[in-house]
Amino acid sequence: MCLKEALQLPYGFTCDLLELMPPKPNNQYPTGLEHLGVVISSGLE
């Protein structure tokens, strides 16, 4: 889901897309995010 307005996060970061998926079968996750993604760009390697 692309957000109409990006979420403003601390330190000048923003989030303009949310990814939602069901939990893996037979997995118990604590409440909250399953993962957080950070874009490193061309410097990933």
All heavy atoms as atom14 arrays in JSON, in Angstrom:
{
  "sequence": "MCLKEALQLPYGFTCDLLELMPPKPNNQYPTGLEHLGVVISSGLE",
  "atom14_mask": [
    [1, 1, 1, 1, 1, 1, 1, 1, 0, 0, 0, 0, 0, 0],
    [1, 1, 1, 1, 1, 1, 0, 0, 0, 0, 0, 0, 0, 0],
    [1, 1, 1, 1, 1, 1, 1, 1, 0, 0, 0, 0, 0, 0],
    [1, 1, 1, 1, 1, 1, 1, 1, 1, 0, 0, 0, 0, 0],
    [1, 1, 1, 1, 1, 1, 1, 1, 1, 0, 0, 0, 0, 0],
    [1, 1, 1, 1, 1, 0, 0, 0, 0, 0, 0, 0, 0, 0],
    [1, 1, 1, 1, 1, 1, 1, 1, 0, 0, 0, 0, 0, 0],
    [1, 1, 1, 1, 1, 1, 1, 1, 1, 0, 0, 0, 0, 0],
    [1, 1, 1, 1, 1, 1, 1, 1, 0, 0, 0, 0, 0, 0],
    [1, 1, 1, 1, 1, 1, 1, 0, 0, 0, 0, 0, 0, 0],
    [1, 1, 1, 1, 1, 1, 1, 1, 1, 1, 1, 1, 0, 0],
    [1, 1, 1, 1, 0, 0, 0, 0, 0, 0, 0, 0, 0, 0],
    [1, 1, 1, 1, 1, 1, 1, 1, 1, 1, 1, 0, 0, 0],
    [1, 1, 1, 1, 1, 1, 1, 0, 0, 0, 0, 0, 0, 0],
    [1, 1, 1, 1, 1, 1, 0, 0, 0, 0, 0, 0, 0, 0],
    [1, 1, 1, 1, 1, 1, 1, 1, 0, 0, 0, 0, 0, 0],
    [1, 1, 1, 1, 1, 1, 1, 1, 0, 0, 0, 0, 0, 0],
    [1, 1, 1, 1, 1, 1, 1, 1, 0, 0, 0, 0, 0, 0],
    [1, 1, 1, 1, 1, 1, 1, 1, 1, 0, 0, 0, 0, 0],
    [1, 1, 1, 1, 1, 1, 1, 1, 0, 0, 0, 0, 0, 0],
    [1, 1, 1, 1, 1, 1, 1, 1, 0, 0, 0, 0, 0, 0],
    [1, 1, 1, 1, 1, 1, 1, 0, 0, 0, 0, 0, 0, 0],
    [1, 1, 1, 1, 1, 1, 1, 0, 0, 0, 0, 0, 0, 0],
    [1, 1, 1, 1, 1, 1, 1, 1, 1, 0, 0, 0, 0, 0],
    [1, 1, 1, 1, 1, 1, 1, 0, 0, 0, 0, 0, 0, 0],
    [1, 1, 1, 1, 1, 1, 1, 1, 0, 0, 0, 0, 0, 0],
    [1, 1, 1, 1, 1, 1, 1, 1, 0, 0, 0, 0, 0, 0],
    [1, 1, 1, 1, 1, 1, 1, 1, 1, 0, 0, 0, 0, 0],
    [1, 1, 1, 1, 1, 1, 1, 1, 1, 1, 1, 1, 0, 0],
    [1, 1, 1, 1, 1, 1, 1, 0, 0, 0, 0, 0, 0, 0],
    [1, 1, 1, 1, 1, 1, 1, 0, 0, 0, 0, 0, 0, 0],
    [1, 1, 1, 1, 0, 0, 0, 0, 0, 0, 0, 0, 0, 0],
    [1, 1, 1, 1, 1, 1, 1, 1, 0, 0, 0, 0, 0, 0],
    [1, 1, 1, 1, 1, 1, 1, 1, 1, 0, 0, 0, 0, 0],
    [1, 1, 1, 1, 1, 1, 1, 1, 1, 1, 0, 0, 0, 0],
    [1, 1, 1, 1, 1, 1, 1, 1, 0, 0, 0, 0, 0, 0],
    [1, 1, 1, 1, 0, 0, 0, 0, 0, 0, 0, 0, 0, 0],
    [1, 1, 1, 1, 1, 1, 1, 0, 0, 0, 0, 0, 0, 0],
    [1, 1, 1, 1, 1, 1, 1, 0, 0, 0, 0, 0, 0, 0],
    [1, 1, 1, 1, 1, 1, 1, 1, 0, 0, 0, 0, 0, 0],
    [1, 1, 1, 1, 1, 1, 0, 0, 0, 0, 0, 0, 0, 0],
    [1, 1, 1, 1, 1, 1, 0, 0, 0, 0, 0, 0, 0, 0],
    [1, 1, 1, 1, 0, 0, 0, 0, 0, 0, 0, 0, 0, 0],
    [1, 1, 1, 1, 1, 1, 1, 1, 0, 0, 0, 0, 0, 0],
    [1, 1, 1, 1, 1, 1, 1, 1, 1, 0, 0, 0, 0, 0]
  ],
  "atom14_positions": [
    [[0.82, -1.19, 0.0], [0.0, 0.0, 0.0], [0.86, 1.25, 0.0], [1.63, 1.47, 0.93], [-0.93, -0.01, 1.2], [-2.0, -1.05, 1.08], [-2.88, -1.32, 2.6], [-2.08, -2.84, 3.1], [0.0, 0.0, 0.0], [0.0, 0.0, 0.0], [0.0, 0.0, 0.0], [0.0, 0.0, 0.0], [0.0, 0.0, 0.0], [0.0, 0.0, 0.0]],
    [[0.73, 2.04, -1.08], [1.41, 3.34, -1.14], [0.57, 4.33, -0.35], [-0.65, 4.4, -0.53], [1.51, 3.82, -2.58], [2.7, 2.93, -3.55], [0.0, 0.0, 0.0], [0.0, 0.0, 0.0], [0.0, 0.0, 0.0], [0.0, 0.0, 0.0], [0.0, 0.0, 0.0], [0.0, 0.0, 0.0], [0.0, 0.0, 0.0], [0.0, 0.0, 0.0]],
    [[1.22, 5.05, 0.5], [0.51, 6.03, 1.32], [0.39, 7.35, 0.56], [1.3, 7.74, -0.16], [1.28, 6.25, 2.62], [1.52, 4.99, 3.47], [2.38, 5.32, 4.68], [0.21, 4.37, 3.88], [0.0, 0.0, 0.0], [0.0, 0.0, 0.0], [0.0, 0.0, 0.0], [0.0, 0.0, 0.0], [0.0, 0.0, 0.0], [0.0, 0.0, 0.0]],
    [[-0.75, 8.02, 0.7], [-0.94, 9.32, 0.05], [0.06, 10.33, 0.58], [0.55, 11.18, -0.15], [-2.37, 9.83, 0.26], [-3.39, 9.06, -0.56], [-4.77, 9.63, -0.38], [-5.75, 8.84, -1.21], [-7.11, 9.34, -1.08], [0.0, 0.0, 0.0], [0.0, 0.0, 0.0], [0.0, 0.0, 0.0], [0.0, 0.0, 0.0], [0.0, 0.0, 0.0]],
    [[0.34, 10.24, 1.87], [1.35, 11.09, 2.5], [2.31, 10.19, 3.25], [1.89, 9.34, 4.04], [0.71, 12.08, 3.47], [-0.14, 13.13, 2.79], [-0.68, 14.14, 3.79], [0.0, 14.43, 4.79], [-1.81, 14.61, 3.56], [0.0, 0.0, 0.0], [0.0, 0.0, 0.0], [0.0, 0.0, 0.0], [0.0, 0.0, 0.0], [0.0, 0.0, 0.0]],
    [[3.6, 10.35, 3.01], [4.61, 9.52, 3.67], [4.59, 9.75, 5.17], [4.35, 10.86, 5.64], [6.0, 9.85, 3.11], [0.0, 0.0, 0.0], [0.0, 0.0, 0.0], [0.0, 0.0, 0.0], [0.0, 0.0, 0.0], [0.0, 0.0, 0.0], [0.0, 0.0, 0.0], [0.0, 0.0, 0.0], [0.0, 0.0, 0.0], [0.0, 0.0, 0.0]],
    [[4.83, 8.67, 5.91], [4.99, 8.8, 7.36], [6.32, 9.47, 7.63], [7.35, 9.11, 7.06], [4.98, 7.41, 8.02], [3.71, 6.58, 7.88], [3.95, 5.18, 8.45], [2.56, 7.25, 8.59], [0.0, 0.0, 0.0], [0.0, 0.0, 0.0], [0.0, 0.0, 0.0], [0.0, 0.0, 0.0], [0.0, 0.0, 0.0], [0.0, 0.0, 0.0]],
    [[6.31, 10.46, 8.49], [7.54, 11.16, 8.86], [8.14, 10.45, 10.06], [7.5, 10.33, 11.1], [7.25, 12.62, 9.19], [6.63, 13.39, 8.03], [7.51, 13.4, 6.8], [8.7, 13.71, 6.86], [6.93, 13.05, 5.66], [0.0, 0.0, 0.0], [0.0, 0.0, 0.0], [0.0, 0.0, 0.0], [0.0, 0.0, 0.0], [0.0, 0.0, 0.0]],
    [[9.34, 9.95, 9.92], [10.03, 9.2, 10.95], [11.16, 10.04, 11.54], [11.57, 11.03, 10.93], [10.57, 7.89, 10.38], [9.53, 7.0, 9.69], [10.21, 5.84, 8.99], [8.5, 6.51, 10.69], [0.0, 0.0, 0.0], [0.0, 0.0, 0.0], [0.0, 0.0, 0.0], [0.0, 0.0, 0.0], [0.0, 0.0, 0.0], [0.0, 0.0, 0.0]],
    [[11.68, 9.64, 12.69], [12.8, 10.39, 13.28], [14.0, 10.47, 12.34], [14.16, 9.63, 11.44], [13.14, 9.59, 14.53], [11.89, 8.84, 14.87], [11.24, 8.54, 13.55], [0.0, 0.0, 0.0], [0.0, 0.0, 0.0], [0.0, 0.0, 0.0], [0.0, 0.0, 0.0], [0.0, 0.0, 0.0], [0.0, 0.0, 0.0], [0.0, 0.0, 0.0]],
    [[14.84, 11.45, 12.55], [16.1, 11.65, 11.83], [15.9, 11.92, 10.34], [16.78, 11.62, 9.53], [17.06, 10.48, 12.06], [17.3, 10.2, 13.51], [16.7, 9.11, 14.13], [18.09, 11.05, 14.28], [16.9, 8.85, 15.48], [18.3, 10.81, 15.63], [17.7, 9.71, 16.22], [17.89, 9.48, 17.57], [0.0, 0.0, 0.0], [0.0, 0.0, 0.0]],
    [[14.74, 12.43, 9.96], [14.5, 12.79, 8.57], [14.11, 11.65, 7.64], [13.98, 11.84, 6.44], [0.0, 0.0, 0.0], [0.0, 0.0, 0.0], [0.0, 0.0, 0.0], [0.0, 0.0, 0.0], [0.0, 0.0, 0.0], [0.0, 0.0, 0.0], [0.0, 0.0, 0.0], [0.0, 0.0, 0.0], [0.0, 0.0, 0.0], [0.0, 0.0, 0.0]],
    [[13.9, 10.45, 8.18], [13.5, 9.32, 7.35], [12.0, 9.36, 7.11], [11.24, 9.94, 7.89], [13.88, 8.0, 8.02], [15.36, 7.76, 8.07], [16.06, 8.0, 9.23], [16.04, 7.29, 6.96], [17.43, 7.79, 9.29], [17.4, 7.07, 7.0], [18.1, 7.32, 8.17], [0.0, 0.0, 0.0], [0.0, 0.0, 0.0], [0.0, 0.0, 0.0]],
    [[11.57, 8.75, 6.01], [10.14, 8.67, 5.69], [9.79, 7.24, 5.27], [10.66, 6.45, 4.9], [9.77, 9.62, 4.52], [10.52, 9.24, 3.37], [10.04, 11.07, 4.89], [0.0, 0.0, 0.0], [0.0, 0.0, 0.0], [0.0, 0.0, 0.0], [0.0, 0.0, 0.0], [0.0, 0.0, 0.0], [0.0, 0.0, 0.0], [0.0, 0.0, 0.0]],
    [[8.5, 6.93, 5.33], [7.99, 5.64, 4.87], [6.76, 5.93, 4.03], [5.8, 6.52, 4.52], [7.63, 4.76, 6.06], [6.86, 3.19, 5.58], [0.0, 0.0, 0.0], [0.0, 0.0, 0.0], [0.0, 0.0, 0.0], [0.0, 0.0, 0.0], [0.0, 0.0, 0.0], [0.0, 0.0, 0.0], [0.0, 0.0, 0.0], [0.0, 0.0, 0.0]],
    [[6.8, 5.54, 2.73], [5.65, 5.8, 1.87], [4.99, 4.54, 1.34], [4.1, 4.59, 0.52], [6.05, 6.71, 0.71], [7.07, 6.07, -0.23], [7.55, 4.97, 0.06], [7.37, 6.7, -1.26], [0.0, 0.0, 0.0], [0.0, 0.0, 0.0], [0.0, 0.0, 0.0], [0.0, 0.0, 0.0], [0.0, 0.0, 0.0], [0.0, 0.0, 0.0]],
    [[5.44, 3.36, 1.83], [4.86, 2.11, 1.39], [4.81, 1.13, 2.55], [5.78, 1.0, 3.29], [5.7, 1.49, 0.26], [5.17, 0.17, -0.25], [4.52, 0.35, -1.62], [6.29, -0.83, -0.37], [0.0, 0.0, 0.0], [0.0, 0.0, 0.0], [0.0, 0.0, 0.0], [0.0, 0.0, 0.0], [0.0, 0.0, 0.0], [0.0, 0.0, 0.0]],
    [[3.67, 0.46, 2.72], [3.53, -0.58, 3.74], [3.33, -1.92, 3.04], [2.62, -2.0, 2.03], [2.33, -0.3, 4.64], [2.37, 1.0, 5.44], [1.07, 1.17, 6.22], [3.56, 1.04, 6.37], [0.0, 0.0, 0.0], [0.0, 0.0, 0.0], [0.0, 0.0, 0.0], [0.0, 0.0, 0.0], [0.0, 0.0, 0.0], [0.0, 0.0, 0.0]],
    [[3.95, -2.94, 3.58], [3.83, -4.3, 3.05], [3.13, -5.13, 4.11], [3.6, -5.21, 5.25], [5.23, -4.84, 2.77], [5.29, -6.29, 2.39], [6.72, -6.8, 2.31], [7.58, -6.37, 3.09], [6.96, -7.68, 1.47], [0.0, 0.0, 0.0], [0.0, 0.0, 0.0], [0.0, 0.0, 0.0], [0.0, 0.0, 0.0], [0.0, 0.0, 0.0]],
    [[2.01, -5.73, 3.76], [1.26, -6.56, 4.71], [1.16, -7.97, 4.19], [0.8, -8.2, 3.03], [-0.15, -5.99, 4.92], [-0.24, -4.6, 5.54], [-1.69, -4.15, 5.57], [0.35, -4.59, 6.91], [0.0, 0.0, 0.0], [0.0, 0.0, 0.0], [0.0, 0.0, 0.0], [0.0, 0.0, 0.0], [0.0, 0.0, 0.0], [0.0, 0.0, 0.0]],
    [[1.5, -8.93, 5.04], [1.38, -10.33, 4.68], [0.97, -11.14, 5.9], [1.27, -10.76, 7.03], [2.69, -10.85, 4.07], [3.87, -10.79, 4.98], [5.49, -11.06, 4.18], [5.21, -12.3, 3.0], [0.0, 0.0, 0.0], [0.0, 0.0, 0.0], [0.0, 0.0, 0.0], [0.0, 0.0, 0.0], [0.0, 0.0, 0.0], [0.0, 0.0, 0.0]],
    [[0.28, -12.25, 5.68], [-0.11, -13.07, 6.82], [1.12, -13.75, 7.42], [2.11, -13.96, 6.73], [-1.07, -14.09, 6.22], [-0.7, -14.17, 4.79], [-0.17, -12.81, 4.41], [0.0, 0.0, 0.0], [0.0, 0.0, 0.0], [0.0, 0.0, 0.0], [0.0, 0.0, 0.0], [0.0, 0.0, 0.0], [0.0, 0.0, 0.0], [0.0, 0.0, 0.0]],
    [[1.06, -14.1, 8.7], [2.2, -14.79, 9.31], [2.41, -16.16, 8.68], [1.48, -16.75, 8.12], [1.81, -14.92, 10.79], [0.36, -14.66, 10.85], [-0.03, -13.89, 9.63], [0.0, 0.0, 0.0], [0.0, 0.0, 0.0], [0.0, 0.0, 0.0], [0.0, 0.0, 0.0], [0.0, 0.0, 0.0], [0.0, 0.0, 0.0], [0.0, 0.0, 0.0]],
    [[3.64, -16.63, 8.76], [3.94, -17.98, 8.27], [3.14, -18.98, 9.1], [2.97, -18.8, 10.3], [5.43, -18.27, 8.4], [6.28, -17.42, 7.49], [7.74, -17.68, 7.72], [8.58, -16.75, 6.88], [10.0, -16.87, 7.18], [0.0, 0.0, 0.0], [0.0, 0.0, 0.0], [0.0, 0.0, 0.0], [0.0, 0.0, 0.0], [0.0, 0.0, 0.0]],
    [[2.67, -20.06, 8.47], [1.92, -21.07, 9.22], [2.76, -21.62, 10.39], [3.97, -21.78, 10.27], [1.65, -22.18, 8.19], [1.79, -21.5, 6.86], [2.78, -20.4, 7.05], [0.0, 0.0, 0.0], [0.0, 0.0, 0.0], [0.0, 0.0, 0.0], [0.0, 0.0, 0.0], [0.0, 0.0, 0.0], [0.0, 0.0, 0.0], [0.0, 0.0, 0.0]],
    [[2.11, -21.87, 11.49], [2.75, -22.43, 12.68], [3.86, -21.55, 13.26], [4.76, -22.05, 13.93], [3.3, -23.84, 12.4], [2.22, -24.77, 11.9], [1.1, -24.76, 12.42], [2.52, -25.54, 10.89], [0.0, 0.0, 0.0], [0.0, 0.0, 0.0], [0.0, 0.0, 0.0], [0.0, 0.0, 0.0], [0.0, 0.0, 0.0], [0.0, 0.0, 0.0]],
    [[3.8, -20.26, 12.99], [4.78, -19.33, 13.56], [4.06, -18.34, 14.46], [3.05, -17.78, 14.07], [5.49, -18.55, 12.45], [6.94, -18.91, 12.31], [7.45, -19.76, 13.02], [7.61, -18.26, 11.38], [0.0, 0.0, 0.0], [0.0, 0.0, 0.0], [0.0, 0.0, 0.0], [0.0, 0.0, 0.0], [0.0, 0.0, 0.0], [0.0, 0.0, 0.0]],
    [[4.58, -18.14, 15.62], [4.03, -17.16, 16.54], [4.96, -15.94, 16.55], [6.13, -16.06, 16.89], [3.93, -17.74, 17.96], [2.92, -18.85, 18.09], [1.5, -18.34, 17.9], [1.17, -17.22, 18.24], [0.64, -19.18, 17.36], [0.0, 0.0, 0.0], [0.0, 0.0, 0.0], [0.0, 0.0, 0.0], [0.0, 0.0, 0.0], [0.0, 0.0, 0.0]],
    [[4.45, -14.82, 16.12], [5.23, -13.59, 16.12], [4.74, -12.69, 17.24], [3.54, -12.63, 17.51], [5.06, -12.83, 14.79], [5.76, -13.46, 13.63], [5.06, -14.18, 12.68], [7.14, -13.33, 13.48], [5.7, -14.75, 11.6], [7.79, -13.9, 12.41], [7.07, -14.6, 11.46], [7.71, -15.16, 10.4], [0.0, 0.0, 0.0], [0.0, 0.0, 0.0]],
    [[5.65, -11.96, 17.86], [5.2, -10.94, 18.81], [4.46, -9.85, 18.05], [4.63, -9.71, 16.84], [6.5, -10.43, 19.43], [7.6, -10.87, 18.52], [7.09, -12.03, 17.73], [0.0, 0.0, 0.0], [0.0, 0.0, 0.0], [0.0, 0.0, 0.0], [0.0, 0.0, 0.0], [0.0, 0.0, 0.0], [0.0, 0.0, 0.0], [0.0, 0.0, 0.0]],
    [[3.65, -9.09, 18.73], [2.91, -8.0, 18.12], [3.87, -6.99, 17.51], [4.93, -6.72, 18.06], [2.03, -7.3, 19.18], [1.16, -8.28, 19.73], [1.21, -6.19, 18.58], [0.0, 0.0, 0.0], [0.0, 0.0, 0.0], [0.0, 0.0, 0.0], [0.0, 0.0, 0.0], [0.0, 0.0, 0.0], [0.0, 0.0, 0.0], [0.0, 0.0, 0.0]],
    [[3.48, -6.45, 16.38], [4.3, -5.42, 15.74], [4.8, -5.84, 14.38], [4.29, -6.76, 13.77], [0.0, 0.0, 0.0], [0.0, 0.0, 0.0], [0.0, 0.0, 0.0], [0.0, 0.0, 0.0], [0.0, 0.0, 0.0], [0.0, 0.0, 0.0], [0.0, 0.0, 0.0], [0.0, 0.0, 0.0], [0.0, 0.0, 0.0], [0.0, 0.0, 0.0]],
    [[5.8, -5.15, 13.92], [6.36, -5.39, 12.6], [7.06, -6.75, 12.51], [7.74, -7.16, 13.45], [7.39, -4.31, 12.25], [6.9, -2.87, 12.19], [8.08, -1.93, 12.0], [5.9, -2.69, 11.07], [0.0, 0.0, 0.0], [0.0, 0.0, 0.0], [0.0, 0.0, 0.0], [0.0, 0.0, 0.0], [0.0, 0.0, 0.0], [0.0, 0.0, 0.0]],
    [[6.92, -7.42, 11.38], [7.69, -8.64, 11.13], [9.12, -8.27, 10.74], [10.07, -8.9, 11.16], [7.04, -9.45, 10.01], [7.83, -10.72, 9.68], [7.27, -11.46, 8.48], [7.43, -10.98, 7.35], [6.67, -12.51, 8.71], [0.0, 0.0, 0.0], [0.0, 0.0, 0.0], [0.0, 0.0, 0.0], [0.0, 0.0, 0.0], [0.0, 0.0, 0.0]],
    [[9.24, -7.24, 9.9], [10.56, -6.76, 9.55], [10.5, -5.29, 9.17], [9.43, -4.75, 8.88], [11.19, -7.58, 8.41], [10.56, -7.37, 7.07], [9.53, -8.15, 6.61], [10.83, -6.47, 6.1], [9.18, -7.72, 5.41], [9.95, -6.72, 5.07], [0.0, 0.0, 0.0], [0.0, 0.0, 0.0], [0.0, 0.0, 0.0], [0.0, 0.0, 0.0]],
    [[11.65, -4.67, 9.19], [11.81, -3.28, 8.77], [12.78, -3.29, 7.61], [13.83, -3.94, 7.68], [12.37, -2.45, 9.93], [12.78, -1.03, 9.58], [11.55, -0.17, 9.33], [13.62, -0.44, 10.68], [0.0, 0.0, 0.0], [0.0, 0.0, 0.0], [0.0, 0.0, 0.0], [0.0, 0.0, 0.0], [0.0, 0.0, 0.0], [0.0, 0.0, 0.0]],
    [[12.45, -2.6, 6.53], [13.33, -2.53, 5.37], [14.01, -1.18, 5.29], [13.38, -0.15, 5.48], [0.0, 0.0, 0.0], [0.0, 0.0, 0.0], [0.0, 0.0, 0.0], [0.0, 0.0, 0.0], [0.0, 0.0, 0.0], [0.0, 0.0, 0.0], [0.0, 0.0, 0.0], [0.0, 0.0, 0.0], [0.0, 0.0, 0.0], [0.0, 0.0, 0.0]],
    [[15.3, -1.21, 5.0], [16.1, 0.01, 4.85], [16.74, -0.03, 3.47], [17.38, -1.02, 3.11], [17.19, 0.1, 5.93], [18.05, 1.34, 5.76], [16.58, 0.05, 7.32], [0.0, 0.0, 0.0], [0.0, 0.0, 0.0], [0.0, 0.0, 0.0], [0.0, 0.0, 0.0], [0.0, 0.0, 0.0], [0.0, 0.0, 0.0], [0.0, 0.0, 0.0]],
    [[16.57, 1.04, 2.68], [17.15, 1.1, 1.35], [18.55, 1.7, 1.44], [18.73, 2.82, 1.91], [16.27, 1.94, 0.39], [16.92, 2.03, -0.98], [14.88, 1.34, 0.3], [0.0, 0.0, 0.0], [0.0, 0.0, 0.0], [0.0, 0.0, 0.0], [0.0, 0.0, 0.0], [0.0, 0.0, 0.0], [0.0, 0.0, 0.0], [0.0, 0.0, 0.0]],
    [[19.54, 0.92, 1.01], [20.94, 1.35, 1.01], [21.33, 1.89, -0.36], [22.31, 2.57, -0.52], [21.88, 0.17, 1.41], [21.47, -0.43, 2.75], [23.33, 0.56, 1.4], [21.68, 0.48, 3.94], [0.0, 0.0, 0.0], [0.0, 0.0, 0.0], [0.0, 0.0, 0.0], [0.0, 0.0, 0.0], [0.0, 0.0, 0.0], [0.0, 0.0, 0.0]],
    [[20.58, 1.59, -1.39], [20.82, 1.98, -2.79], [22.01, 1.26, -3.37], [22.27, 0.11, -3.05], [20.96, 3.5, -2.92], [19.72, 4.11, -2.7], [0.0, 0.0, 0.0], [0.0, 0.0, 0.0], [0.0, 0.0, 0.0], [0.0, 0.0, 0.0], [0.0, 0.0, 0.0], [0.0, 0.0, 0.0], [0.0, 0.0, 0.0], [0.0, 0.0, 0.0]],
    [[22.76, 1.97, -4.22], [23.86, 1.34, -4.96], [24.99, 0.87, -4.06], [25.85, 0.11, -4.48], [24.39, 2.3, -6.02], [24.9, 3.46, -5.41], [0.0, 0.0, 0.0], [0.0, 0.0, 0.0], [0.0, 0.0, 0.0], [0.0, 0.0, 0.0], [0.0, 0.0, 0.0], [0.0, 0.0, 0.0], [0.0, 0.0, 0.0], [0.0, 0.0, 0.0]],
    [[25.01, 1.3, -2.82], [26.05, 0.89, -1.89], [25.77, -0.4, -1.15], [26.48, -0.73, -0.2], [0.0, 0.0, 0.0], [0.0, 0.0, 0.0], [0.0, 0.0, 0.0], [0.0, 0.0, 0.0], [0.0, 0.0, 0.0], [0.0, 0.0, 0.0], [0.0, 0.0, 0.0], [0.0, 0.0, 0.0], [0.0, 0.0, 0.0], [0.0, 0.0, 0.0]],
    [[24.78, -1.17, -1.57], [24.39, -2.37, -0.83], [25.52, -3.39, -0.75], [25.76, -3.96, 0.32], [23.14, -3.01, -1.43], [22.64, -4.25, -0.69], [22.15, -3.89, 0.71], [21.53, -4.93, -1.48], [0.0, 0.0, 0.0], [0.0, 0.0, 0.0], [0.0, 0.0, 0.0], [0.0, 0.0, 0.0], [0.0, 0.0, 0.0], [0.0, 0.0, 0.0]],
    [[26.21, -3.64, -1.83], [27.28, -4.66, -1.82], [28.41, -4.25, -0.88], [28.93, -5.07, -0.12], [27.79, -4.92, -3.23], [26.75, -5.48, -4.17], [26.05, -6.73, -3.66], [26.71, -7.61, -3.07], [24.82, -6.83, -3.85], [0.0, 0.0, 0.0], [0.0, 0.0, 0.0], [0.0, 0.0, 0.0], [0.0, 0.0, 0.0], [0.0, 0.0, 0.0]]
  ]
}
